[in-house]
Amino acid sequence: MGFSGHLVFARSERPLLEAPLFGSTGPGLRDNVYAWQPRPGGWQTLQLEQGIWEDEHLPTLVEWTGAPACVADVSDSSIALVTGLNTGGHRWQAWLNLENAAALLVEDPEDVDDVSLWIATPEFEEAIGRKRAELDAEVPADAEGALAWATAAGVQTTAQQSRIEELLRARETFVEELFDALLDELGFPKAAQSSSQP
């Protein structure tokens, strides 16, 4: 069973858990949070179990830190939707592990009573192919958004857009590793040690 929850990436001189938005989540919060090895410059990643993070937390976190931030909504370590926000309110999104995302996003036909039978059909494979092509067509704009966000974060990024696109099209068993690689490629300073998950 993979990880399902959120990866929150932001910069602060104080621990991210001190952000007011985490104050209302109850005393047991720390049991459901794993802090990755921090990156130089105050960049931190928190791994939050399902149910702690809400979409409206991202603008609140950006306001509290005064710096761009992003969050990856992870499902079973196989898919992630990354959303980044800068201090000017500009947002970008990108899927990681596009093949898995396509399978998740394919809509079941209305006349299907048994989904397990539908996913075994050639029509399902064709539907995944179409959805994968749709997601793939968005990759250049997603990569451009990610690079602009990294620049707004003050990172001296030397990344080529083609390399970011390549990462957004890549496939990893654990999508958390793809998220970490994306941050590396965008030019964020690397953690002193590996930020592997528990």
Protein backbone atom coordinates (compact mmCIF):
# COMPACT_ATOMS: atom_id res chain seq x y z
CA MET A 1 0.00 0.00 0.00
CA GLY A 2 1.49 3.31 -1.07
CA PHE A 3 1.25 6.73 0.54
CA SER A 4 -1.92 8.77 0.14
CA GLY A 5 -1.93 12.33 1.36
CA HIS A 6 -0.10 15.56 0.58
CA LEU A 7 3.47 16.73 0.12
CA VAL A 8 3.73 20.39 1.09
CA PHE A 9 6.80 22.32 -0.08
CA ALA A 10 7.48 25.85 1.17
CA ARG A 11 10.20 28.13 2.54
CA SER A 12 10.29 29.38 6.09
CA GLU A 13 12.90 30.10 8.75
CA ARG A 14 10.51 28.44 11.20
CA PRO A 15 9.22 24.86 11.01
CA LEU A 16 6.25 24.68 8.64
CA LEU A 17 4.20 22.98 11.32
CA GLU A 18 4.23 26.29 13.20
CA ALA A 19 2.11 27.86 10.46
CA PRO A 20 -1.26 28.96 11.92
CA LEU A 21 -3.14 26.84 9.38
CA PHE A 22 -1.89 23.72 11.19
CA GLY A 23 -2.98 25.02 14.59
CA SER A 24 -6.57 23.84 14.24
CA THR A 25 -5.81 20.26 13.26
CA GLY A 26 -5.60 18.87 16.76
CA PRO A 27 -2.87 17.53 19.04
CA GLY A 28 -2.40 14.26 17.16
CA LEU A 29 -1.17 16.05 14.03
CA ARG A 30 2.52 15.30 14.55
CA ASP A 31 1.81 11.56 14.46
CA ASN A 32 0.52 12.00 10.90
CA VAL A 33 3.34 14.20 9.59
CA TYR A 34 6.77 13.25 8.33
CA ALA A 35 9.30 16.02 7.63
CA TRP A 36 11.67 15.31 4.75
CA GLN A 37 15.30 16.32 5.02
CA PRO A 38 15.23 20.14 4.66
CA ARG A 39 16.85 21.86 1.71
CA PRO A 40 19.22 24.81 2.15
CA GLY A 41 17.61 28.26 2.25
CA GLY A 42 14.72 27.28 4.53
CA TRP A 43 12.95 25.06 1.96
CA GLN A 44 10.98 22.32 3.70
CA THR A 45 8.78 19.41 2.65
CA LEU A 46 6.11 17.95 4.91
CA GLN A 47 4.44 14.64 4.14
CA LEU A 48 0.90 14.83 5.54
CA GLU A 49 -1.46 11.90 5.87
CA GLN A 50 -4.83 12.08 4.13
CA GLY A 51 -7.35 14.47 5.66
CA ILE A 52 -5.00 17.13 7.07
CA TRP A 53 -4.55 19.37 4.03
CA GLU A 54 -7.33 21.36 2.35
CA ASP A 55 -7.12 23.21 -0.98
CA GLU A 56 -7.64 26.59 0.66
CA HIS A 57 -4.52 26.07 2.80
CA LEU A 58 -2.14 26.85 -0.08
CA PRO A 59 -2.87 30.61 -0.33
CA THR A 60 -2.78 30.78 3.48
CA LEU A 61 0.65 29.11 3.53
CA VAL A 62 2.01 31.42 0.81
CA GLU A 63 0.80 34.42 2.79
CA TRP A 64 2.35 33.13 6.04
CA THR A 65 5.73 32.31 4.49
CA GLY A 66 5.83 35.26 2.09
CA ALA A 67 7.18 32.87 -0.55
CA PRO A 68 5.86 30.63 -3.33
CA ALA A 69 4.79 27.16 -2.24
CA CYS A 70 3.42 24.01 -3.81
CA VAL A 71 1.56 20.92 -2.76
CA ALA A 72 1.32 17.47 -4.33
CA ASP A 73 -1.94 15.60 -3.81
CA VAL A 74 -0.71 11.98 -3.81
CA SER A 75 -2.81 8.87 -4.32
CA ASP A 76 -1.33 5.50 -3.33
CA SER A 77 2.19 6.67 -4.29
CA SER A 78 1.20 6.20 -7.95
CA ILE A 79 -0.33 9.56 -8.99
CA ALA A 80 0.12 13.16 -7.89
CA LEU A 81 -1.45 16.45 -8.89
CA VAL A 82 1.02 19.22 -8.09
CA THR A 83 -0.33 22.73 -7.53
CA GLY A 84 2.04 25.67 -7.17
CA LEU A 85 1.19 29.21 -6.12
CA ASN A 86 3.38 32.31 -6.05
CA THR A 87 2.99 35.45 -3.94
CA GLY A 88 1.22 37.23 -6.81
CA GLY A 89 -1.55 34.64 -6.85
CA HIS A 90 -0.43 32.92 -10.06
CA ARG A 91 -1.11 29.19 -9.96
CA TRP A 92 0.12 26.23 -12.00
CA GLN A 93 -0.72 22.54 -11.95
CA ALA A 94 0.80 19.38 -13.35
CA TRP A 95 0.09 15.68 -13.09
CA LEU A 96 2.90 13.27 -12.23
CA ASN A 97 2.79 9.70 -13.62
CA LEU A 98 0.56 10.60 -16.57
CA GLU A 99 -0.33 7.01 -17.48
CA ASN A 100 -1.76 6.36 -14.02
CA ALA A 101 -3.46 9.76 -13.99
CA ALA A 102 -5.10 9.01 -17.34
CA ALA A 103 -6.49 5.73 -16.02
CA LEU A 104 -7.87 7.54 -12.96
CA LEU A 105 -9.43 10.38 -14.96
CA VAL A 106 -11.16 8.26 -17.61
CA GLU A 107 -14.89 8.55 -17.12
CA ASP A 108 -16.92 5.36 -17.01
CA PRO A 109 -19.66 5.20 -19.68
CA GLU A 110 -23.15 5.75 -18.33
CA ASP A 111 -24.32 2.36 -19.57
CA VAL A 112 -21.68 0.43 -17.59
CA ASP A 113 -23.06 -1.45 -14.59
CA ASP A 114 -19.88 -3.34 -13.64
CA VAL A 115 -16.72 -1.21 -13.75
CA SER A 116 -14.51 -4.30 -13.36
CA LEU A 117 -15.81 -5.56 -16.72
CA TRP A 118 -15.37 -2.15 -18.38
CA ILE A 119 -11.69 -1.87 -17.43
CA ALA A 120 -10.98 -5.19 -19.13
CA THR A 121 -12.19 -3.96 -22.53
CA PRO A 122 -10.27 -2.55 -25.50
CA GLU A 123 -12.57 0.49 -25.29
CA PHE A 124 -11.19 1.26 -21.83
CA GLU A 125 -7.62 1.10 -23.18
CA GLU A 126 -8.62 3.43 -26.02
CA ALA A 127 -10.22 5.83 -23.54
CA ILE A 128 -7.00 5.86 -21.49
CA GLY A 129 -5.02 6.56 -24.65
CA ARG A 130 -7.22 9.55 -25.47
CA LYS A 131 -7.01 10.92 -21.92
CA ARG A 132 -3.23 10.36 -21.88
CA ALA A 133 -2.96 12.37 -25.12
CA GLU A 134 -5.02 15.19 -23.55
CA LEU A 135 -2.76 15.28 -20.50
CA ASP A 136 0.34 15.08 -22.67
CA ALA A 137 -0.81 18.09 -24.69
CA GLU A 138 -0.90 20.13 -21.45
CA VAL A 139 2.69 19.23 -20.45
CA PRO A 140 4.47 22.16 -22.22
CA ALA A 141 2.22 24.73 -20.51
CA ASP A 142 2.57 22.88 -17.19
CA ALA A 143 6.37 22.91 -17.50
CA GLU A 144 6.35 26.62 -18.36
CA GLY A 145 4.21 27.30 -15.29
CA ALA A 146 6.55 25.30 -13.06
CA LEU A 147 9.60 27.18 -14.33
CA ALA A 148 7.93 30.57 -13.84
CA TRP A 149 6.95 29.54 -10.31
CA ALA A 150 10.54 28.46 -9.49
CA THR A 151 11.84 31.78 -10.83
CA ALA A 152 9.31 33.65 -8.66
CA ALA A 153 10.63 31.62 -5.71
CA GLY A 154 14.03 33.21 -6.31
CA VAL A 155 15.65 30.04 -7.60
CA GLN A 156 18.40 30.57 -10.15
CA THR A 157 17.05 27.82 -12.34
CA THR A 158 19.12 26.63 -15.26
CA ALA A 159 16.57 23.98 -16.17
CA GLN A 160 15.54 23.65 -19.79
CA GLN A 161 11.81 23.46 -20.37
CA SER A 162 12.36 20.27 -22.37
CA ARG A 163 13.90 18.59 -19.30
CA ILE A 164 10.95 19.61 -17.12
CA GLU A 165 8.57 18.25 -19.76
CA GLU A 166 10.54 15.01 -19.77
CA LEU A 167 10.11 14.70 -16.00
CA LEU A 168 6.39 15.47 -16.24
CA ARG A 169 6.10 12.61 -18.74
CA ALA A 170 8.28 10.23 -16.72
CA ARG A 171 7.02 7.25 -14.77
CA GLU A 172 8.20 6.21 -11.33
CA THR A 173 6.96 3.46 -9.04
CA PHE A 174 6.82 5.98 -6.19
CA VAL A 175 5.50 9.33 -7.36
CA GLU A 176 7.11 10.98 -4.30
CA GLU A 177 10.49 10.39 -5.96
CA LEU A 178 9.26 12.11 -9.11
CA PHE A 179 8.11 15.10 -7.04
CA ASP A 180 11.52 15.34 -5.38
CA ALA A 181 13.27 15.05 -8.76
CA LEU A 182 11.07 17.84 -10.15
CA LEU A 183 12.09 20.17 -7.32
CA ASP A 184 15.76 19.28 -7.93
CA GLU A 185 15.44 19.91 -11.66
CA LEU A 186 13.68 23.24 -11.10
CA GLY A 187 16.82 24.36 -9.30
CA PHE A 188 15.86 24.20 -5.66
CA PRO A 189 18.93 23.46 -3.51
CA LYS A 190 19.26 19.76 -2.84
CA ALA A 191 18.91 18.35 0.65
CA ALA A 192 22.17 17.36 2.33
CA GLN A 193 20.91 13.77 2.55
CA SER A 194 18.37 11.76 0.64
CA SER A 195 14.77 12.77 1.31
CA SER A 196 13.48 9.25 0.93
CA GLN A 197 10.20 8.38 2.52
CA PRO A 198 9.79 6.23 5.64
